[in-house]
Amino acid sequence: MNEECVINVDLADVWAAPDRKKLIRILAWGDQVTVVARTISAIEVEFVDFVEQADGSILPRKSTGFIKPTASSKIKVADVVRPLTENEVLKVNFVDVQQGDGAVIESPDGKVILVDGGDNQMFARYLAGRFRGTSKTNPKTIDCILVTHGDADHFVGLKEILESETNEQARKRLFITPERYYHNGIVKRPDTRNGKNVHDLELLGPTQKNGKDKNGKDIFSLTGLVDEWPILERRIRSTERRRLRGRRFAAAPGRGPPAVPAGPRRRNPRGADG
């Protein structure tokens, strides 16, 4: 029976056959694979490869191969992979979005955080290739979208995710359900108003004086975030109450205890090929 697993060593060479003559891929610690078969000396795995097409596009393709540790590595076949449910790897992927930034953080238990999104469709295309098979009725849960600051090349690309839902090519579509959003709350306003330059202090919103510095110059602070804090605080408290109610519900009689994550396990510091 096929078993979803992750690589449990630093690096694992994948060969076309158990004879280790043709190398087809190198997998890294935490990469997900499907174990198709096991023998005393090797395991057969199925993994997703990405192949460039004639038109320049890159499409996912399922491939199979064999991982066979060398005798010198002293690694047992059984230790090369571990069940996906016991995954301990925090994945952080920095995506090439050309201008700006875009990153994906995925926790060992599958929670996903998006950090920024560039200013074009590249981040959305990457996500559609990574989280394949989503639909309007089966969206991918995104636990958090974080926008680090208000420059366009860090957040404009996020709207491409929504626009991808109607793309003519199914492989480029992505449907998500974001659980929460965070941003730094600072918005740079236009530097001109009615044809006149706006003072630097007004670009970031309302301010107030807070004394003077050692050189006698006025010290200003933003007031917008202070004014909005009571609203944010109420939202945070409301979210926390819902979370606690969910815990009590999960532990209610007849429903069994809440899931307890597997205990820590030290990974093997060596690769499958020594």
C-alpha atoms as a PDB file:
ATOM      1  CA  MET A   1       0.000   0.000   0.000  1.00  0.00           C
ATOM      2  CA  ASN A   2       1.282   3.481  -0.872  1.00  0.00           C
ATOM      3  CA  GLU A   3       2.351   5.599   2.101  1.00  0.00           C
ATOM      4  CA  GLU A   4       2.799   9.375   2.231  1.00  0.00           C
ATOM      5  CA  CYS A   5       6.197  10.153   3.755  1.00  0.00           C
ATOM      6  CA  VAL A   6       8.921  12.790   3.984  1.00  0.00           C
ATOM      7  CA  ILE A   7      12.652  12.392   3.475  1.00  0.00           C
ATOM      8  CA  ASN A   8      14.327  11.905   6.855  1.00  0.00           C
ATOM      9  CA  VAL A   9      17.983  12.463   5.886  1.00  0.00           C
ATOM     10  CA  ASP A  10      19.797  15.562   4.654  1.00  0.00           C
ATOM     11  CA  LEU A  11      20.054  14.447   1.024  1.00  0.00           C
ATOM     12  CA  ALA A  12      18.848  11.329  -0.769  1.00  0.00           C
ATOM     13  CA  ASP A  13      19.864  10.363  -4.296  1.00  0.00           C
ATOM     14  CA  VAL A  14      17.016   8.945  -6.387  1.00  0.00           C
ATOM     15  CA  TRP A  15      18.054   6.413  -9.034  1.00  0.00           C
ATOM     16  CA  ALA A  16      16.255   5.081 -12.082  1.00  0.00           C
ATOM     17  CA  ALA A  17      16.875   1.525 -10.831  1.00  0.00           C
ATOM     18  CA  PRO A  18      18.255  -0.116  -7.671  1.00  0.00           C
ATOM     19  CA  ASP A  19      21.604  -0.636  -9.438  1.00  0.00           C
ATOM     20  CA  ARG A  20      22.394   3.072  -8.819  1.00  0.00           C
ATOM     21  CA  LYS A  21      23.663   3.653 -12.364  1.00  0.00           C
ATOM     22  CA  LYS A  22      21.400   6.542 -13.498  1.00  0.00           C
ATOM     23  CA  LEU A  23      20.771   9.434 -11.106  1.00  0.00           C
ATOM     24  CA  ILE A  24      17.459  11.169 -11.776  1.00  0.00           C
ATOM     25  CA  ARG A  25      16.910  13.422  -8.761  1.00  0.00           C
ATOM     26  CA  ILE A  26      18.273  14.491  -5.381  1.00  0.00           C
ATOM     27  CA  LEU A  27      15.677  14.951  -2.650  1.00  0.00           C
ATOM     28  CA  ALA A  28      16.246  16.973   0.517  1.00  0.00           C
ATOM     29  CA  TRP A  29      15.238  16.619   4.139  1.00  0.00           C
ATOM     30  CA  GLY A  30      11.494  17.233   4.451  1.00  0.00           C
ATOM     31  CA  ASP A  31      10.622  16.663   0.765  1.00  0.00           C
ATOM     32  CA  GLN A  32       7.352  14.779   0.423  1.00  0.00           C
ATOM     33  CA  VAL A  33       7.264  11.439  -1.400  1.00  0.00           C
ATOM     34  CA  THR A  34       4.932   8.494  -1.777  1.00  0.00           C
ATOM     35  CA  VAL A  35       6.534   5.167  -0.868  1.00  0.00           C
ATOM     36  CA  VAL A  36       5.422   2.666  -3.486  1.00  0.00           C
ATOM     37  CA  ALA A  37       7.431  -0.397  -2.387  1.00  0.00           C
ATOM     38  CA  ARG A  38      10.124  -1.428   0.089  1.00  0.00           C
ATOM     39  CA  THR A  39      12.849  -4.071  -0.020  1.00  0.00           C
ATOM     40  CA  ILE A  40      15.680  -4.890   2.372  1.00  0.00           C
ATOM     41  CA  SER A  41      18.134  -2.701   0.455  1.00  0.00           C
ATOM     42  CA  ALA A  42      16.017   0.022  -1.212  1.00  0.00           C
ATOM     43  CA  ILE A  43      12.683   1.833  -1.356  1.00  0.00           C
ATOM     44  CA  GLU A  44      10.751   2.841  -4.445  1.00  0.00           C
ATOM     45  CA  VAL A  45       9.260   6.323  -4.235  1.00  0.00           C
ATOM     46  CA  GLU A  46       6.942   8.482  -6.306  1.00  0.00           C
ATOM     47  CA  PHE A  47       7.607  12.218  -6.334  1.00  0.00           C
ATOM     48  CA  VAL A  48       6.646  15.302  -8.302  1.00  0.00           C
ATOM     49  CA  ASP A  49       9.159  16.692 -10.755  1.00  0.00           C
ATOM     50  CA  PHE A  50       8.811  19.943 -12.718  1.00  0.00           C
ATOM     51  CA  VAL A  51       9.639  19.792 -16.412  1.00  0.00           C
ATOM     52  CA  GLU A  52      10.123  22.745 -18.750  1.00  0.00           C
ATOM     53  CA  GLN A  53       7.967  22.621 -21.875  1.00  0.00           C
ATOM     54  CA  ALA A  54       8.744  23.827 -25.411  1.00  0.00           C
ATOM     55  CA  ASP A  55       6.774  27.042 -24.835  1.00  0.00           C
ATOM     56  CA  GLY A  56       8.802  27.853 -21.705  1.00  0.00           C
ATOM     57  CA  SER A  57       6.152  26.810 -19.222  1.00  0.00           C
ATOM     58  CA  ILE A  58       7.027  24.412 -16.397  1.00  0.00           C
ATOM     59  CA  LEU A  59       4.573  21.636 -15.582  1.00  0.00           C
ATOM     60  CA  PRO A  60       4.468  19.147 -12.708  1.00  0.00           C
ATOM     61  CA  ARG A  61       5.064  15.489 -13.574  1.00  0.00           C
ATOM     62  CA  LYS A  62       4.923  12.440 -11.339  1.00  0.00           C
ATOM     63  CA  SER A  63       8.032  10.276 -11.481  1.00  0.00           C
ATOM     64  CA  THR A  64       9.254   7.173  -9.675  1.00  0.00           C
ATOM     65  CA  GLY A  65      12.712   6.117  -8.620  1.00  0.00           C
ATOM     66  CA  PHE A  66      14.725   4.183  -6.052  1.00  0.00           C
ATOM     67  CA  ILE A  67      16.578   5.311  -2.937  1.00  0.00           C
ATOM     68  CA  LYS A  68      19.313   2.872  -1.958  1.00  0.00           C
ATOM     69  CA  PRO A  69      21.702   3.934   0.822  1.00  0.00           C
ATOM     70  CA  THR A  70      25.332   2.936   0.418  1.00  0.00           C
ATOM     71  CA  ALA A  71      26.943   0.607   2.928  1.00  0.00           C
ATOM     72  CA  SER A  72      29.435   3.329   3.858  1.00  0.00           C
ATOM     73  CA  SER A  73      26.641   5.702   4.930  1.00  0.00           C
ATOM     74  CA  LYS A  74      25.548   3.204   7.611  1.00  0.00           C
ATOM     75  CA  ILE A  75      21.964   4.400   7.127  1.00  0.00           C
ATOM     76  CA  LYS A  76      19.209   1.842   7.335  1.00  0.00           C
ATOM     77  CA  VAL A  77      16.572   1.816   4.602  1.00  0.00           C
ATOM     78  CA  ALA A  78      13.872   2.175   7.237  1.00  0.00           C
ATOM     79  CA  ASP A  79      15.427   5.464   8.395  1.00  0.00           C
ATOM     80  CA  VAL A  80      15.497   7.165   4.990  1.00  0.00           C
ATOM     81  CA  VAL A  81      11.863   8.276   5.218  1.00  0.00           C
ATOM     82  CA  ARG A  82       9.338   8.813   7.965  1.00  0.00           C
ATOM     83  CA  PRO A  83       5.505   9.115   7.863  1.00  0.00           C
ATOM     84  CA  LEU A  84       4.135  12.486   6.789  1.00  0.00           C
ATOM     85  CA  THR A  85       2.215  12.687  10.077  1.00  0.00           C
ATOM     86  CA  GLU A  86       5.571  12.738  11.921  1.00  0.00           C
ATOM     87  CA  ASN A  87       7.061  15.519   9.827  1.00  0.00           C
ATOM     88  CA  GLU A  88       9.194  18.004  11.812  1.00  0.00           C
ATOM     89  CA  VAL A  89      10.462  20.220   8.998  1.00  0.00           C
ATOM     90  CA  LEU A  90       9.577  23.910   8.777  1.00  0.00           C
ATOM     91  CA  LYS A  91       9.735  24.873   5.105  1.00  0.00           C
ATOM     92  CA  VAL A  92      10.583  28.418   4.015  1.00  0.00           C
ATOM     93  CA  ASN A  93      10.579  29.059   0.263  1.00  0.00           C
ATOM     94  CA  PHE A  94      11.618  32.387  -1.251  1.00  0.00           C
ATOM     95  CA  VAL A  95       9.925  32.746  -4.633  1.00  0.00           C
ATOM     96  CA  ASP A  96      11.506  34.515  -7.607  1.00  0.00           C
ATOM     97  CA  VAL A  97       8.956  37.262  -8.299  1.00  0.00           C
ATOM     98  CA  GLN A  98      11.501  39.447 -10.144  1.00  0.00           C
ATOM     99  CA  GLN A  99      10.563  42.698  -8.404  1.00  0.00           C
ATOM    100  CA  GLY A 100       9.832  42.827  -4.674  1.00  0.00           C
ATOM    101  CA  ASP A 101       9.430  39.787  -2.457  1.00  0.00           C
ATOM    102  CA  GLY A 102       7.235  36.734  -2.040  1.00  0.00           C
ATOM    103  CA  ALA A 103       7.726  33.819   0.336  1.00  0.00           C
ATOM    104  CA  VAL A 104       5.865  30.756   1.603  1.00  0.00           C
ATOM    105  CA  ILE A 105       6.249  29.352   5.112  1.00  0.00           C
ATOM    106  CA  GLU A 106       4.820  25.882   5.766  1.00  0.00           C
ATOM    107  CA  SER A 107       4.859  24.394   9.260  1.00  0.00           C
ATOM    108  CA  PRO A 108       5.384  20.672   9.959  1.00  0.00           C
ATOM    109  CA  ASP A 109       1.641  20.225  10.529  1.00  0.00           C
ATOM    110  CA  GLY A 110       0.754  21.842   7.203  1.00  0.00           C
ATOM    111  CA  LYS A 111      -0.117  25.405   8.192  1.00  0.00           C
ATOM    112  CA  VAL A 112       0.737  27.874   5.407  1.00  0.00           C
ATOM    113  CA  ILE A 113       1.769  31.533   5.677  1.00  0.00           C
ATOM    114  CA  LEU A 114       2.223  33.796   2.665  1.00  0.00           C
ATOM    115  CA  VAL A 115       4.655  36.683   3.108  1.00  0.00           C
ATOM    116  CA  ASP A 116       4.180  39.430   0.489  1.00  0.00           C
ATOM    117  CA  GLY A 117       3.444  38.576  -3.138  1.00  0.00           C
ATOM    118  CA  GLY A 118       5.501  40.602  -5.597  1.00  0.00           C
ATOM    119  CA  ASP A 119       3.833  42.887  -8.136  1.00  0.00           C
ATOM    120  CA  ASN A 120       2.941  40.468 -10.925  1.00  0.00           C
ATOM    121  CA  GLN A 121       1.415  37.031 -11.562  1.00  0.00           C
ATOM    122  CA  MET A 122       4.560  35.013 -10.759  1.00  0.00           C
ATOM    123  CA  PHE A 123       3.710  34.390  -7.096  1.00  0.00           C
ATOM    124  CA  ALA A 124       0.188  33.239  -7.984  1.00  0.00           C
ATOM    125  CA  ARG A 125       1.564  30.913 -10.671  1.00  0.00           C
ATOM    126  CA  TYR A 126       4.036  29.392  -8.210  1.00  0.00           C
ATOM    127  CA  LEU A 127       1.298  28.783  -5.653  1.00  0.00           C
ATOM    128  CA  ALA A 128      -0.998  27.227  -8.266  1.00  0.00           C
ATOM    129  CA  GLY A 129       1.787  24.796  -9.181  1.00  0.00           C
ATOM    130  CA  ARG A 130       2.579  23.991  -5.557  1.00  0.00           C
ATOM    131  CA  PHE A 131      -0.983  23.624  -4.273  1.00  0.00           C
ATOM    132  CA  ARG A 132      -2.519  21.802  -7.199  1.00  0.00           C
ATOM    133  CA  GLY A 133      -6.116  20.629  -7.561  1.00  0.00           C
ATOM    134  CA  THR A 134      -7.885  23.458  -5.740  1.00  0.00           C
ATOM    135  CA  SER A 135     -11.372  24.542  -6.732  1.00  0.00           C
ATOM    136  CA  LYS A 136     -14.180  26.805  -5.566  1.00  0.00           C
ATOM    137  CA  THR A 137     -15.559  23.944  -3.488  1.00  0.00           C
ATOM    138  CA  ASN A 138     -12.118  22.710  -2.404  1.00  0.00           C
ATOM    139  CA  PRO A 139      -9.943  25.764  -1.686  1.00  0.00           C
ATOM    140  CA  LYS A 140      -6.532  25.697  -0.046  1.00  0.00           C
ATOM    141  CA  THR A 141      -6.591  27.027   3.508  1.00  0.00           C
ATOM    142  CA  ILE A 142      -4.009  29.780   4.017  1.00  0.00           C
ATOM    143  CA  ASP A 143      -3.522  30.363   7.730  1.00  0.00           C
ATOM    144  CA  CYS A 144      -2.067  33.832   7.333  1.00  0.00           C
ATOM    145  CA  ILE A 145      -1.211  36.410   4.667  1.00  0.00           C
ATOM    146  CA  LEU A 146       1.428  38.867   5.868  1.00  0.00           C
ATOM    147  CA  VAL A 147       2.239  42.091   3.994  1.00  0.00           C
ATOM    148  CA  THR A 148       5.470  43.510   5.387  1.00  0.00           C
ATOM    149  CA  HIS A 149       4.972  47.065   4.102  1.00  0.00           C
ATOM    150  CA  GLY A 150       3.042  49.179   1.646  1.00  0.00           C
ATOM    151  CA  ASP A 151       5.303  49.158  -1.410  1.00  0.00           C
ATOM    152  CA  ALA A 152       3.415  47.902  -4.464  1.00  0.00           C
ATOM    153  CA  ASP A 153       6.043  45.289  -5.320  1.00  0.00           C
ATOM    154  CA  HIS A 154       5.235  43.501  -2.064  1.00  0.00           C
ATOM    155  CA  PHE A 155       1.444  43.171  -2.272  1.00  0.00           C
ATOM    156  CA  VAL A 156      -0.005  43.953  -5.720  1.00  0.00           C
ATOM    157  CA  GLY A 157       0.744  40.405  -6.881  1.00  0.00           C
ATOM    158  CA  LEU A 158      -1.596  38.974  -4.239  1.00  0.00           C
ATOM    159  CA  LYS A 159      -4.652  40.080  -6.226  1.00  0.00           C
ATOM    160  CA  GLU A 160      -3.445  37.837  -9.047  1.00  0.00           C
ATOM    161  CA  ILE A 161      -4.419  34.872  -6.855  1.00  0.00           C
ATOM    162  CA  LEU A 162      -8.065  35.970  -7.001  1.00  0.00           C
ATOM    163  CA  GLU A 163      -7.876  36.694 -10.718  1.00  0.00           C
ATOM    164  CA  SER A 164      -6.373  33.251 -11.363  1.00  0.00           C
ATOM    165  CA  GLU A 165      -9.696  31.618 -10.416  1.00  0.00           C
ATOM    166  CA  THR A 166     -11.060  32.442 -13.888  1.00  0.00           C
ATOM    167  CA  ASN A 167      -7.917  31.574 -15.857  1.00  0.00           C
ATOM    168  CA  GLU A 168      -8.646  29.554 -19.002  1.00  0.00           C
ATOM    169  CA  GLN A 169      -5.936  27.043 -18.073  1.00  0.00           C
ATOM    170  CA  ALA A 170      -6.858  24.890 -15.086  1.00  0.00           C
ATOM    171  CA  ARG A 171      -3.223  24.447 -14.023  1.00  0.00           C
ATOM    172  CA  LYS A 172      -2.937  28.200 -13.453  1.00  0.00           C
ATOM    173  CA  ARG A 173      -6.009  28.461 -11.217  1.00  0.00           C
ATOM    174  CA  LEU A 174      -5.738  28.766  -7.455  1.00  0.00           C
ATOM    175  CA  PHE A 175      -8.552  28.971  -4.929  1.00  0.00           C
ATOM    176  CA  ILE A 176      -7.652  29.885  -1.356  1.00  0.00           C
ATOM    177  CA  THR A 177      -9.389  30.596   1.951  1.00  0.00           C
ATOM    178  CA  PRO A 178      -7.240  32.991   4.010  1.00  0.00           C
ATOM    179  CA  GLU A 179      -7.834  32.767   7.763  1.00  0.00           C
ATOM    180  CA  ARG A 180      -6.235  36.085   8.705  1.00  0.00           C
ATOM    181  CA  TYR A 181      -4.278  39.031   7.316  1.00  0.00           C
ATOM    182  CA  TYR A 182      -1.534  41.137   8.854  1.00  0.00           C
ATOM    183  CA  HIS A 183       0.195  44.294   7.634  1.00  0.00           C
ATOM    184  CA  ASN A 184       2.278  46.984   9.302  1.00  0.00           C
ATOM    185  CA  GLY A 185      -0.546  49.532   9.240  1.00  0.00           C
ATOM    186  CA  ILE A 186       1.590  52.269   7.740  1.00  0.00           C
ATOM    187  CA  VAL A 187       0.329  53.692   4.442  1.00  0.00           C
ATOM    188  CA  LYS A 188       2.254  56.246   2.437  1.00  0.00           C
ATOM    189  CA  ARG A 189      -0.145  58.824   1.035  1.00  0.00           C
ATOM    190  CA  PRO A 190       0.272  60.907  -2.172  1.00  0.00           C
ATOM    191  CA  ASP A 191       3.063  63.485  -1.956  1.00  0.00           C
ATOM    192  CA  THR A 192       0.959  66.120  -3.765  1.00  0.00           C
ATOM    193  CA  ARG A 193      -2.529  67.440  -3.059  1.00  0.00           C
ATOM    194  CA  ASN A 194      -4.378  69.933  -5.278  1.00  0.00           C
ATOM    195  CA  GLY A 195      -1.159  70.557  -7.158  1.00  0.00           C
ATOM    196  CA  LYS A 196       0.835  71.377  -4.011  1.00  0.00           C
ATOM    197  CA  ASN A 197       3.522  69.355  -2.281  1.00  0.00           C
ATOM    198  CA  VAL A 198       2.480  67.617   0.919  1.00  0.00           C
ATOM    199  CA  HIS A 199       4.729  67.973   3.964  1.00  0.00           C
ATOM    200  CA  ASP A 200       6.630  64.801   4.859  1.00  0.00           C
ATOM    201  CA  LEU A 201       4.852  64.581   8.211  1.00  0.00           C
ATOM    202  CA  GLU A 202       1.480  64.255   6.463  1.00  0.00           C
ATOM    203  CA  LEU A 203       2.497  61.378   4.174  1.00  0.00           C
ATOM    204  CA  LEU A 204       2.001  58.761   6.893  1.00  0.00           C
ATOM    205  CA  GLY A 205      -1.272  60.105   8.325  1.00  0.00           C
ATOM    206  CA  PRO A 206      -2.282  62.030  11.459  1.00  0.00           C
ATOM    207  CA  THR A 207       0.499  62.908  13.919  1.00  0.00           C
ATOM    208  CA  GLN A 208       0.844  64.544  17.301  1.00  0.00           C
ATOM    209  CA  LYS A 209       3.695  66.383  19.022  1.00  0.00           C
ATOM    210  CA  ASN A 210       5.481  64.532  21.811  1.00  0.00           C
ATOM    211  CA  GLY A 211       8.002  67.019  23.139  1.00  0.00           C
ATOM    212  CA  LYS A 212      11.394  67.908  21.718  1.00  0.00           C
ATOM    213  CA  ASP A 213      14.648  66.076  21.140  1.00  0.00           C
ATOM    214  CA  LYS A 214      18.042  67.062  22.595  1.00  0.00           C
ATOM    215  CA  ASN A 215      18.527  69.528  19.743  1.00  0.00           C
ATOM    216  CA  GLY A 216      15.251  71.273  20.446  1.00  0.00           C
ATOM    217  CA  LYS A 217      13.426  69.845  17.417  1.00  0.00           C
ATOM    218  CA  ASP A 218       9.812  68.727  17.737  1.00  0.00           C
ATOM    219  CA  ILE A 219       9.166  64.981  18.079  1.00  0.00           C
ATOM    220  CA  PHE A 220       6.088  63.638  16.280  1.00  0.00           C
ATOM    221  CA  SER A 221       4.345  60.264  16.516  1.00  0.00           C
ATOM    222  CA  LEU A 222       1.636  58.670  14.394  1.00  0.00           C
ATOM    223  CA  THR A 223      -1.810  58.704  16.004  1.00  0.00           C
ATOM    224  CA  GLY A 224      -3.758  56.539  13.585  1.00  0.00           C
ATOM    225  CA  LEU A 225      -2.576  53.237  15.034  1.00  0.00           C
ATOM    226  CA  VAL A 226      -3.297  54.410  18.578  1.00  0.00           C
ATOM    227  CA  ASP A 227      -6.840  55.399  17.628  1.00  0.00           C
ATOM    228  CA  GLU A 228      -7.487  52.023  15.991  1.00  0.00           C
ATOM    229  CA  TRP A 229      -6.039  49.874  18.776  1.00  0.00           C
ATOM    230  CA  PRO A 230      -9.323  49.437  20.763  1.00  0.00           C
ATOM    231  CA  ILE A 231     -10.903  47.935  17.628  1.00  0.00           C
ATOM    232  CA  LEU A 232      -7.937  45.617  17.053  1.00  0.00           C
ATOM    233  CA  GLU A 233      -7.930  44.603  20.705  1.00  0.00           C
ATOM    234  CA  ARG A 234     -11.612  43.624  20.578  1.00  0.00           C
ATOM    235  CA  ARG A 235     -10.972  41.546  17.471  1.00  0.00           C
ATOM    236  CA  ILE A 236      -8.020  39.776  19.082  1.00  0.00           C
ATOM    237  CA  ARG A 237     -10.023  38.984  22.202  1.00  0.00           C
ATOM    238  CA  SER A 238     -12.959  37.716  20.127  1.00  0.00           C
ATOM    239  CA  THR A 239     -10.642  35.418  18.148  1.00  0.00           C
ATOM    240  CA  GLU A 240      -9.087  34.088  21.356  1.00  0.00           C
ATOM    241  CA  ARG A 241     -12.528  33.313  22.838  1.00  0.00           C
ATOM    242  CA  ARG A 242     -13.488  31.343  19.702  1.00  0.00           C
ATOM    243  CA  ARG A 243     -10.216  29.428  19.877  1.00  0.00           C
ATOM    244  CA  LEU A 244     -10.773  28.482  23.522  1.00  0.00           C
ATOM    245  CA  ARG A 245     -14.358  27.409  22.818  1.00  0.00           C
ATOM    246  CA  GLY A 246     -13.028  25.196  20.019  1.00  0.00           C
ATOM    247  CA  ARG A 247     -10.599  23.534  22.429  1.00  0.00           C
ATOM    248  CA  ARG A 248     -13.342  22.817  24.962  1.00  0.00           C
ATOM    249  CA  PHE A 249     -15.545  21.390  22.202  1.00  0.00           C
ATOM    250  CA  ALA A 250     -12.728  19.120  20.958  1.00  0.00           C
ATOM    251  CA  ALA A 251     -12.216  17.753  24.486  1.00  0.00           C
ATOM    252  CA  ALA A 252     -15.926  17.209  25.179  1.00  0.00           C
ATOM    253  CA  PRO A 253     -17.053  13.697  26.326  1.00  0.00           C
ATOM    254  CA  GLY A 254     -17.527  11.282  23.488  1.00  0.00           C
ATOM    255  CA  ARG A 255     -15.241  13.161  21.135  1.00  0.00           C
ATOM    256  CA  GLY A 256     -11.896  11.988  22.475  1.00  0.00           C
ATOM    257  CA  PRO A 257      -8.966  14.122  23.618  1.00  0.00           C
ATOM    258  CA  PRO A 258      -7.401  16.797  21.410  1.00  0.00           C
ATOM    259  CA  ALA A 259      -4.674  15.559  19.084  1.00  0.00           C
ATOM    260  CA  VAL A 260      -1.197  15.590  20.616  1.00  0.00           C
ATOM    261  CA  PRO A 261       1.723  16.141  18.201  1.00  0.00           C
ATOM    262  CA  ALA A 262       4.383  13.473  18.006  1.00  0.00           C
ATOM    263  CA  GLY A 263       7.378  13.989  20.278  1.00  0.00           C
ATOM    264  CA  PRO A 264      10.663  15.319  18.904  1.00  0.00           C
ATOM    265  CA  ARG A 265      12.899  12.961  17.071  1.00  0.00           C
ATOM    266  CA  ARG A 266      16.476  13.683  16.153  1.00  0.00           C
ATOM    267  CA  ARG A 267      17.084  13.541  12.438  1.00  0.00           C
ATOM    268  CA  ASN A 268      20.034  11.657  11.020  1.00  0.00           C
ATOM    269  CA  PRO A 269      22.811  14.172  10.259  1.00  0.00           C
ATOM    270  CA  ARG A 270      24.113  12.169   7.332  1.00  0.00           C
ATOM    271  CA  GLY A 271      22.733  11.827   3.854  1.00  0.00           C
ATOM    272  CA  ALA A 272      21.557   8.521   2.415  1.00  0.00           C
ATOM    273  CA  ASP A 273      24.679   8.433   0.281  1.00  0.00           C
ATOM    274  CA  GLY A 274      27.214   9.180   2.990  1.00  0.00           C
END
